PDB file of N, CA and C in Angstrom:
ATOM      1  N   MET A   1       0.824  -1.196   0.000  1.00  0.00           N
ATOM      2  CA  MET A   1       0.000   0.000   0.000  1.00  0.00           C
ATOM      3  C   MET A   1       0.869   1.260   0.000  1.00  0.00           C
ATOM      4  N   ILE A   2       1.835   1.311   0.911  1.00  0.00           N
ATOM      5  CA  ILE A   2       2.686   2.490   1.003  1.00  0.00           C
ATOM      6  C   ILE A   2       3.564   2.608  -0.238  1.00  0.00           C
ATOM      7  N   GLU A   3       4.095   1.486  -0.690  1.00  0.00           N
ATOM      8  CA  GLU A   3       4.928   1.504  -1.888  1.00  0.00           C
ATOM      9  C   GLU A   3       4.124   1.978  -3.091  1.00  0.00           C
ATOM     10  N   THR A   4       2.841   1.614  -3.147  1.00  0.00           N
ATOM     11  CA  THR A   4       1.978   2.050  -4.232  1.00  0.00           C
ATOM     12  C   THR A   4       1.814   3.566  -4.212  1.00  0.00           C
ATOM     13  N   LEU A   5       1.638   4.148  -3.022  1.00  0.00           N
ATOM     14  CA  LEU A   5       1.530   5.607  -2.914  1.00  0.00           C
ATOM     15  C   LEU A   5       2.788   6.294  -3.431  1.00  0.00           C
ATOM     16  N   ILE A   6       3.928   5.758  -3.065  1.00  0.00           N
ATOM     17  CA  ILE A   6       5.192   6.352  -3.494  1.00  0.00           C
ATOM     18  C   ILE A   6       5.334   6.267  -5.013  1.00  0.00           C
ATOM     19  N   ILE A   7       5.000   5.122  -5.587  1.00  0.00           N
ATOM     20  CA  ILE A   7       5.103   4.950  -7.039  1.00  0.00           C
ATOM     21  C   ILE A   7       4.127   5.865  -7.765  1.00  0.00           C
ATOM     22  N   VAL A   8       2.877   5.946  -7.289  1.00  0.00           N
ATOM     23  CA  VAL A   8       1.888   6.822  -7.921  1.00  0.00           C
ATOM     24  C   VAL A   8       2.335   8.278  -7.835  1.00  0.00           C
ATOM     25  N   GLY A   9       2.873   8.690  -6.684  1.00  0.00           N
ATOM     26  CA  GLY A   9       3.369  10.054  -6.534  1.00  0.00           C
ATOM     27  C   GLY A   9       4.491  10.366  -7.499  1.00  0.00           C
ATOM     28  N   LEU A  10       5.423   9.442  -7.647  1.00  0.00           N
ATOM     29  CA  LEU A  10       6.523   9.644  -8.594  1.00  0.00           C
ATOM     30  C   LEU A  10       6.021   9.732 -10.032  1.00  0.00           C
ATOM     31  N   ILE A  11       5.077   8.861 -10.385  1.00  0.00           N
ATOM     32  CA  ILE A  11       4.539   8.880 -11.740  1.00  0.00           C
ATOM     33  C   ILE A  11       3.840  10.208 -12.022  1.00  0.00           C
ATOM     34  N   MET A  12       3.058  10.682 -11.054  1.00  0.00           N
ATOM     35  CA  MET A  12       2.355  11.952 -11.256  1.00  0.00           C
ATOM     36  C   MET A  12       3.337  13.122 -11.364  1.00  0.00           C
ATOM     37  N   LEU A  13       4.396  13.083 -10.570  1.00  0.00           N
ATOM     38  CA  LEU A  13       5.414  14.131 -10.676  1.00  0.00           C
ATOM     39  C   LEU A  13       6.079  14.108 -12.054  1.00  0.00           C
ATOM     40  N   ILE A  14       6.386  12.925 -12.541  1.00  0.00           N
ATOM     41  CA  ILE A  14       7.028  12.802 -13.859  1.00  0.00           C
ATOM     42  C   ILE A  14       6.084  13.274 -14.959  1.00  0.00           C
ATOM     43  N   ILE A  15       4.812  12.869 -14.894  1.00  0.00           N
ATOM     44  CA  ILE A  15       3.847  13.297 -15.911  1.00  0.00           C
ATOM     45  C   ILE A  15       3.658  14.810 -15.865  1.00  0.00           C
ATOM     46  N   GLY A  16       3.530  15.368 -14.656  1.00  0.00           N
ATOM     47  CA  GLY A  16       3.366  16.809 -14.532  1.00  0.00           C
ATOM     48  C   GLY A  16       4.567  17.572 -15.060  1.00  0.00           C
ATOM     49  N   SER A  17       5.758  17.078 -14.753  1.00  0.00           N
ATOM     50  CA  SER A  17       6.972  17.731 -15.258  1.00  0.00           C
ATOM     51  C   SER A  17       7.083  17.631 -16.765  1.00  0.00           C
ATOM     52  N   THR A  18       6.724  16.474 -17.309  1.00  0.00           N
ATOM     53  CA  THR A  18       6.762  16.295 -18.756  1.00  0.00           C
ATOM     54  C   THR A  18       5.761  17.223 -19.447  1.00  0.00           C
ATOM     55  N   LEU A  19       4.556  17.323 -18.898  1.00  0.00           N
ATOM     56  CA  LEU A  19       3.567  18.232 -19.471  1.00  0.00           C
ATOM     57  C   LEU A  19       4.055  19.673 -19.433  1.00  0.00           C
ATOM     58  N   TYR A  20       4.701  20.033 -18.351  1.00  0.00           N
ATOM     59  CA  TYR A  20       5.212  21.400 -18.216  1.00  0.00           C
ATOM     60  C   TYR A  20       6.283  21.688 -19.268  1.00  0.00           C
ATOM     61  N   LEU A  21       7.169  20.715 -19.481  1.00  0.00           N
ATOM     62  CA  LEU A  21       8.286  20.933 -20.398  1.00  0.00           C
ATOM     63  C   LEU A  21       7.901  20.861 -21.873  1.00  0.00           C
ATOM     64  N   PHE A  22       6.979  19.966 -22.223  1.00  0.00           N
ATOM     65  CA  PHE A  22       6.768  19.663 -23.631  1.00  0.00           C
ATOM     66  C   PHE A  22       5.392  20.022 -24.190  1.00  0.00           C
ATOM     67  N   THR A  23       4.496  20.572 -23.380  1.00  0.00           N
ATOM     68  CA  THR A  23       3.175  20.923 -23.909  1.00  0.00           C
ATOM     69  C   THR A  23       2.791  22.335 -23.473  1.00  0.00           C
ATOM     70  N   ASP A  24       1.695  22.805 -24.023  1.00  0.00           N
ATOM     71  CA  ASP A  24       1.191  24.133 -23.671  1.00  0.00           C
ATOM     72  C   ASP A  24      -0.051  24.040 -22.784  1.00  0.00           C
ATOM     73  N   ILE A  25      -0.269  22.892 -22.150  1.00  0.00           N
ATOM     74  CA  ILE A  25      -1.442  22.732 -21.287  1.00  0.00           C
ATOM     75  C   ILE A  25      -1.204  23.542 -20.016  1.00  0.00           C
ATOM     76  N   GLN A  26      -2.058  24.523 -19.776  1.00  0.00           N
ATOM     77  CA  GLN A  26      -1.883  25.406 -18.622  1.00  0.00           C
ATOM     78  C   GLN A  26      -2.650  24.847 -17.428  1.00  0.00           C
ATOM     79  N   GLY A  27      -2.008  24.788 -16.306  1.00  0.00           N
ATOM     80  CA  GLY A  27      -2.670  24.392 -15.068  1.00  0.00           C
ATOM     81  C   GLY A  27      -2.610  22.915 -14.761  1.00  0.00           C
ATOM     82  N   LEU A  28      -2.784  22.071 -15.777  1.00  0.00           N
ATOM     83  CA  LEU A  28      -2.799  20.632 -15.534  1.00  0.00           C
ATOM     84  C   LEU A  28      -1.444  20.139 -15.066  1.00  0.00           C
ATOM     85  N   ASP A  29      -0.373  20.664 -15.629  1.00  0.00           N
ATOM     86  CA  ASP A  29       0.969  20.249 -15.222  1.00  0.00           C
ATOM     87  C   ASP A  29       1.216  20.595 -13.755  1.00  0.00           C
ATOM     88  N   PHE A  30       0.817  21.789 -13.350  1.00  0.00           N
ATOM     89  CA  PHE A  30       1.004  22.198 -11.958  1.00  0.00           C
ATOM     90  C   PHE A  30       0.147  21.350 -11.025  1.00  0.00           C
ATOM     91  N   LEU A  31      -1.091  21.096 -11.432  1.00  0.00           N
ATOM     92  CA  LEU A  31      -2.003  20.296 -10.616  1.00  0.00           C
ATOM     93  C   LEU A  31      -1.464  18.887 -10.417  1.00  0.00           C
ATOM     94  N   LEU A  32      -1.045  18.235 -11.494  1.00  0.00           N
ATOM     95  CA  LEU A  32      -0.510  16.870 -11.384  1.00  0.00           C
ATOM     96  C   LEU A  32       0.770  16.842 -10.559  1.00  0.00           C
ATOM     97  N   SER A  33       1.632  17.818 -10.756  1.00  0.00           N
ATOM     98  CA  SER A  33       2.877  17.856  -9.994  1.00  0.00           C
ATOM     99  C   SER A  33       2.607  18.064  -8.510  1.00  0.00           C
ATOM    100  N   THR A  34       1.681  18.955  -8.193  1.00  0.00           N
ATOM    101  CA  THR A  34       1.365  19.229  -6.793  1.00  0.00           C
ATOM    102  C   THR A  34       0.732  18.023  -6.114  1.00  0.00           C
ATOM    103  N   ILE A  35      -0.247  17.420  -6.766  1.00  0.00           N
ATOM    104  CA  ILE A  35      -0.891  16.232  -6.197  1.00  0.00           C
ATOM    105  C   ILE A  35       0.116  15.100  -6.065  1.00  0.00           C
ATOM    106  N   GLY A  36       0.963  14.925  -7.078  1.00  0.00           N
ATOM    107  CA  GLY A  36       2.000  13.892  -7.002  1.00  0.00           C
ATOM    108  C   GLY A  36       2.958  14.126  -5.858  1.00  0.00           C
ATOM    109  N   ALA A  37       3.335  15.375  -5.627  1.00  0.00           N
ATOM    110  CA  ALA A  37       4.244  15.686  -4.522  1.00  0.00           C
ATOM    111  C   ALA A  37       3.591  15.381  -3.181  1.00  0.00           C
ATOM    112  N   TYR A  38       2.307  15.718  -3.047  1.00  0.00           N
ATOM    113  CA  TYR A  38       1.598  15.411  -1.797  1.00  0.00           C
ATOM    114  C   TYR A  38       1.490  13.910  -1.570  1.00  0.00           C
ATOM    115  N   ILE A  39       1.155  13.168  -2.605  1.00  0.00           N
ATOM    116  CA  ILE A  39       1.048  11.715  -2.472  1.00  0.00           C
ATOM    117  C   ILE A  39       2.406  11.108  -2.144  1.00  0.00           C
ATOM    118  N   LEU A  40       3.451  11.559  -2.830  1.00  0.00           N
ATOM    119  CA  LEU A  40       4.800  11.054  -2.581  1.00  0.00           C
ATOM    120  C   LEU A  40       5.243  11.355  -1.161  1.00  0.00           C
ATOM    121  N   SER A  41       5.058  12.583  -0.709  1.00  0.00           N
ATOM    122  CA  SER A  41       5.489  12.927   0.646  1.00  0.00           C
ATOM    123  C   SER A  41       4.669  12.179   1.686  1.00  0.00           C
ATOM    124  N   GLY A  42       3.377  11.997   1.430  1.00  0.00           N
ATOM    125  CA  GLY A  42       2.552  11.218   2.356  1.00  0.00           C
ATOM    126  C   GLY A  42       3.010   9.770   2.440  1.00  0.00           C
ATOM    127  N   GLY A  43       3.326   9.176   1.295  1.00  0.00           N
ATOM    128  CA  GLY A  43       3.824   7.800   1.288  1.00  0.00           C
ATOM    129  C   GLY A  43       5.148   7.664   2.014  1.00  0.00           C
ATOM    130  N   LEU A  44       6.037   8.635   1.814  1.00  0.00           N
ATOM    131  CA  LEU A  44       7.331   8.587   2.505  1.00  0.00           C
ATOM    132  C   LEU A  44       7.165   8.759   4.014  1.00  0.00           C
ATOM    133  N   MET A  45       6.245   9.638   4.432  1.00  0.00           N
ATOM    134  CA  MET A  45       6.004   9.802   5.872  1.00  0.00           C
ATOM    135  C   MET A  45       5.408   8.536   6.476  1.00  0.00           C
ATOM    136  N   MET A  46       4.492   7.888   5.738  1.00  0.00           N
ATOM    137  CA  MET A  46       3.906   6.644   6.230  1.00  0.00           C
ATOM    138  C   MET A  46       4.959   5.549   6.314  1.00  0.00           C
ATOM    139  N   LEU A  47       5.857   5.514   5.350  1.00  0.00           N
ATOM    140  CA  LEU A  47       6.932   4.528   5.363  1.00  0.00           C
ATOM    141  C   LEU A  47       7.828   4.726   6.575  1.00  0.00           C
ATOM    142  N   GLN A  48       8.165   5.971   6.888  1.00  0.00           N
ATOM    143  CA  GLN A  48       8.991   6.272   8.046  1.00  0.00           C
ATOM    144  C   GLN A  48       8.269   5.896   9.337  1.00  0.00           C
ATOM    145  N   GLU A  49       6.981   6.156   9.411  1.00  0.00           N
ATOM    146  CA  GLU A  49       6.209   5.863  10.623  1.00  0.00           C
ATOM    147  C   GLU A  49       6.098   4.359  10.856  1.00  0.00           C
ATOM    148  N   ASN A  50       6.044   3.577   9.778  1.00  0.00           N
ATOM    149  CA  ASN A  50       5.924   2.130   9.923  1.00  0.00           C
ATOM    150  C   ASN A  50       7.205   1.472  10.419  1.00  0.00           C
ATOM    151  N   ARG A  51       8.296   2.182  10.416  1.00  0.00           N
ATOM    152  CA  ARG A  51       9.555   1.606  10.894  1.00  0.00           C
ATOM    153  C   ARG A  51       9.671   1.661  12.410  1.00  0.00           C
ATOM    154  N   LYS A  52       8.743   2.331  13.084  1.00  0.00           N
ATOM    155  CA  LYS A  52       8.767   2.436  14.533  1.00  0.00           C
ATOM    156  C   LYS A  52       8.027   1.251  15.143  1.00  0.00           C
ATOM    157  N   PRO A  53       8.547   0.681  16.232  1.00  0.00           N
ATOM    158  CA  PRO A  53       7.861  -0.438  16.874  1.00  0.00           C
ATOM    159  C   PRO A  53       6.509  -0.014  17.449  1.00  0.00           C
ATOM    160  N   SER A  54       5.517  -0.858  17.272  1.00  0.00           N
ATOM    161  CA  SER A  54       4.192  -0.590  17.827  1.00  0.00           C
ATOM    162  C   SER A  54       4.005  -1.410  19.104  1.00  0.00           C
ATOM    163  N   ALA A  55       2.899  -1.164  19.778  1.00  0.00           N
ATOM    164  CA  ALA A  55       2.597  -1.920  20.993  1.00  0.00           C
ATOM    165  C   ALA A  55       2.435  -3.407  20.678  1.00  0.00           C
ATOM    166  N   MET A  56       1.875  -3.733  19.515  1.00  0.00           N
ATOM    167  CA  MET A  56       1.719  -5.137  19.132  1.00  0.00           C
ATOM    168  C   MET A  56       3.073  -5.802  18.875  1.00  0.00           C
ATOM    169  N   ASP A  57       4.036  -5.056  18.344  1.00  0.00           N
ATOM    170  CA  ASP A  57       5.377  -5.602  18.146  1.00  0.00           C
ATOM    171  C   ASP A  57       6.012  -5.962  19.485  1.00  0.00           C
ATOM    172  N   VAL A  58       5.812  -5.110  20.485  1.00  0.00           N
ATOM    173  CA  VAL A  58       6.341  -5.388  21.824  1.00  0.00           C
ATOM    174  C   VAL A  58       5.656  -6.618  22.400  1.00  0.00           C
ATOM    175  N   TYR A  59       4.332  -6.687  22.273  1.00  0.00           N
ATOM    176  CA  TYR A  59       3.557  -7.808  22.810  1.00  0.00           C
ATOM    177  C   TYR A  59       3.952  -9.124  22.162  1.00  0.00           C
ATOM    178  N   ARG A  60       4.231  -9.108  20.879  1.00  0.00           N
ATOM    179  CA  ARG A  60       4.586 -10.337  20.155  1.00  0.00           C
ATOM    180  C   ARG A  60       6.056 -10.711  20.300  1.00  0.00           C
ATOM    181  N   GLY A  61       6.827  -9.936  21.050  1.00  0.00           N
ATOM    182  CA  GLY A  61       8.227 -10.272  21.302  1.00  0.00           C
ATOM    183  C   GLY A  61       9.165  -9.945  20.162  1.00  0.00           C
ATOM    184  N   LYS A  62       8.777  -9.030  19.284  1.00  0.00           N
ATOM    185  CA  LYS A  62       9.616  -8.661  18.149  1.00  0.00           C
ATOM    186  C   LYS A  62      10.614  -7.557  18.497  1.00  0.00           C
ATOM    187  N   THR A  63      10.543  -7.035  19.713  1.00  0.00           N
ATOM    188  CA  THR A  63      11.379  -5.910  20.107  1.00  0.00           C
ATOM    189  C   THR A  63      12.206  -6.251  21.338  1.00  0.00           C
ATOM    190  N   THR A  64      13.168  -5.413  21.595  1.00  0.00           N
ATOM    191  CA  THR A  64      13.972  -5.523  22.798  1.00  0.00           C
ATOM    192  C   THR A  64      14.223  -4.118  23.344  1.00  0.00           C
ATOM    193  N   LEU A  65      14.589  -4.029  24.593  1.00  0.00           N
ATOM    194  CA  LEU A  65      14.836  -2.742  25.223  1.00  0.00           C
ATOM    195  C   LEU A  65      16.340  -2.527  25.319  1.00  0.00           C
ATOM    196  N   GLU A  66      16.817  -1.437  24.742  1.00  0.00           N
ATOM    197  CA  GLU A  66      18.229  -1.071  24.846  1.00  0.00           C
ATOM    198  C   GLU A  66      18.358   0.026  25.894  1.00  0.00           C
ATOM    199  N   ILE A  67      19.186  -0.226  26.888  1.00  0.00           N
ATOM    200  CA  ILE A  67      19.360   0.720  27.990  1.00  0.00           C
ATOM    201  C   ILE A  67      20.779   1.277  27.945  1.00  0.00           C
ATOM    202  N   THR A  68      20.892   2.596  28.072  1.00  0.00           N
ATOM    203  CA  THR A  68      22.194   3.261  28.117  1.00  0.00           C
ATOM    204  C   THR A  68      22.528   3.581  29.563  1.00  0.00           C
ATOM    205  N   TYR A  69      23.700   3.112  29.998  1.00  0.00           N
ATOM    206  CA  TYR A  69      24.148   3.354  31.366  1.00  0.00           C
ATOM    207  C   TYR A  69      25.292   4.363  31.363  1.00  0.00           C
ATOM    208  N   ARG A  70      25.282   5.238  32.338  1.00  0.00           N
ATOM    209  CA  ARG A  70      26.384   6.172  32.537  1.00  0.00           C
ATOM    210  C   ARG A  70      26.756   6.115  34.009  1.00  0.00           C
ATOM    211  N   ASP A  71      27.980   5.691  34.292  1.00  0.00           N
ATOM    212  CA  ASP A  71      28.461   5.520  35.668  1.00  0.00           C
ATOM    213  C   ASP A  71      27.566   4.582  36.457  1.00  0.00           C
ATOM    214  N   GLY A  72      27.102   3.526  35.806  1.00  0.00           N
ATOM    215  CA  GLY A  72      26.301   2.520  36.487  1.00  0.00           C
ATOM    216  C   GLY A  72      24.843   2.902  36.682  1.00  0.00           C
ATOM    217  N   VAL A  73      24.423   4.039  36.163  1.00  0.00           N
ATOM    218  CA  VAL A  73      23.047   4.501  36.318  1.00  0.00           C
ATOM    219  C   VAL A  73      22.384   4.530  34.936  1.00  0.00           C
ATOM    220  N   ALA A  74      21.180   3.949  34.852  1.00  0.00           N
ATOM    221  CA  ALA A  74      20.446   3.966  33.587  1.00  0.00           C
ATOM    222  C   ALA A  74      19.999   5.394  33.289  1.00  0.00           C
ATOM    223  N   VAL A  75      20.442   5.926  32.135  1.00  0.00           N
ATOM    224  CA  VAL A  75      20.105   7.308  31.789  1.00  0.00           C
ATOM    225  C   VAL A  75      19.163   7.395  30.584  1.00  0.00           C
ATOM    226  N   ASP A  76      19.045   6.313  29.821  1.00  0.00           N
ATOM    227  CA  ASP A  76      18.187   6.347  28.644  1.00  0.00           C
ATOM    228  C   ASP A  76      17.796   4.927  28.280  1.00  0.00           C
ATOM    229  N   SER A  77      16.628   4.781  27.670  1.00  0.00           N
ATOM    230  CA  SER A  77      16.201   3.482  27.154  1.00  0.00           C
ATOM    231  C   SER A  77      15.388   3.711  25.893  1.00  0.00           C
ATOM    232  N   VAL A  78      15.464   2.734  24.994  1.00  0.00           N
ATOM    233  CA  VAL A  78      14.743   2.832  23.726  1.00  0.00           C
ATOM    234  C   VAL A  78      14.326   1.425  23.308  1.00  0.00           C
ATOM    235  N   VAL A  79      13.127   1.337  22.728  1.00  0.00           N
ATOM    236  CA  VAL A  79      12.621   0.065  22.213  1.00  0.00           C
ATOM    237  C   VAL A  79      13.035  -0.044  20.752  1.00  0.00           C
ATOM    238  N   VAL A  80      13.697  -1.156  20.404  1.00  0.00           N
ATOM    239  CA  VAL A  80      14.146  -1.376  19.030  1.00  0.00           C
ATOM    240  C   VAL A  80      13.753  -2.781  18.593  1.00  0.00           C
ATOM    241  N   PHE A  81      13.669  -2.977  17.265  1.00  0.00           N
ATOM    242  CA  PHE A  81      13.383  -4.312  16.750  1.00  0.00           C
ATOM    243  C   PHE A  81      14.572  -5.226  16.995  1.00  0.00           C
ATOM    244  N   LYS A  82      14.275  -6.501  17.255  1.00  0.00           N
ATOM    245  CA  LYS A  82      15.334  -7.495  17.418  1.00  0.00           C
ATOM    246  C   LYS A  82      15.980  -7.767  16.071  1.00  0.00           C
ATOM    247  N   ASP A  83      17.254  -8.173  16.080  1.00  0.00           N
ATOM    248  CA  ASP A  83      17.933  -8.553  14.847  1.00  0.00           C
ATOM    249  C   ASP A  83      17.308  -9.829  14.320  1.00  0.00           C
ATOM    250  N   LYS A  84      17.122  -9.884  13.003  1.00  0.00           N
ATOM    251  CA  LYS A  84      16.563 -11.067  12.369  1.00  0.00           C
ATOM    252  C   LYS A  84      17.689 -12.021  12.033  1.00  0.00           C
ATOM    253  N   LYS A  85      17.879 -13.023  12.868  1.00  0.00           N
ATOM    254  CA  LYS A  85      18.936 -14.022  12.636  1.00  0.00           C
ATOM    255  C   LYS A  85      18.275 -15.303  12.169  1.00  0.00           C
ATOM    256  N   LYS A  86      18.817 -15.864  11.114  1.00  0.00           N
ATOM    257  CA  LYS A  86      18.232 -17.099  10.564  1.00  0.00           C
ATOM    258  C   LYS A  86      19.174 -18.243  10.763  1.00  0.00           C
TER     259      LYS A  86
END
């Protein structure tokens, strides 16, 4: 789904840019480019958001807790995905 958004956004940007460069159609090139940019940026933001562990990932044991110690005292912790070892 997310990959489809990114591909559609890129295609619309390319079509809009091509129309701008090679035709005299006024407005359509800008409209397609703008919509394509919004779709592309939305897909990229969704892709970035999906890389973060969710509560279900923690529940299913797909994550681990990394703790940073300074002078023997825990100062930071972060939930990260476990390494996929086969």
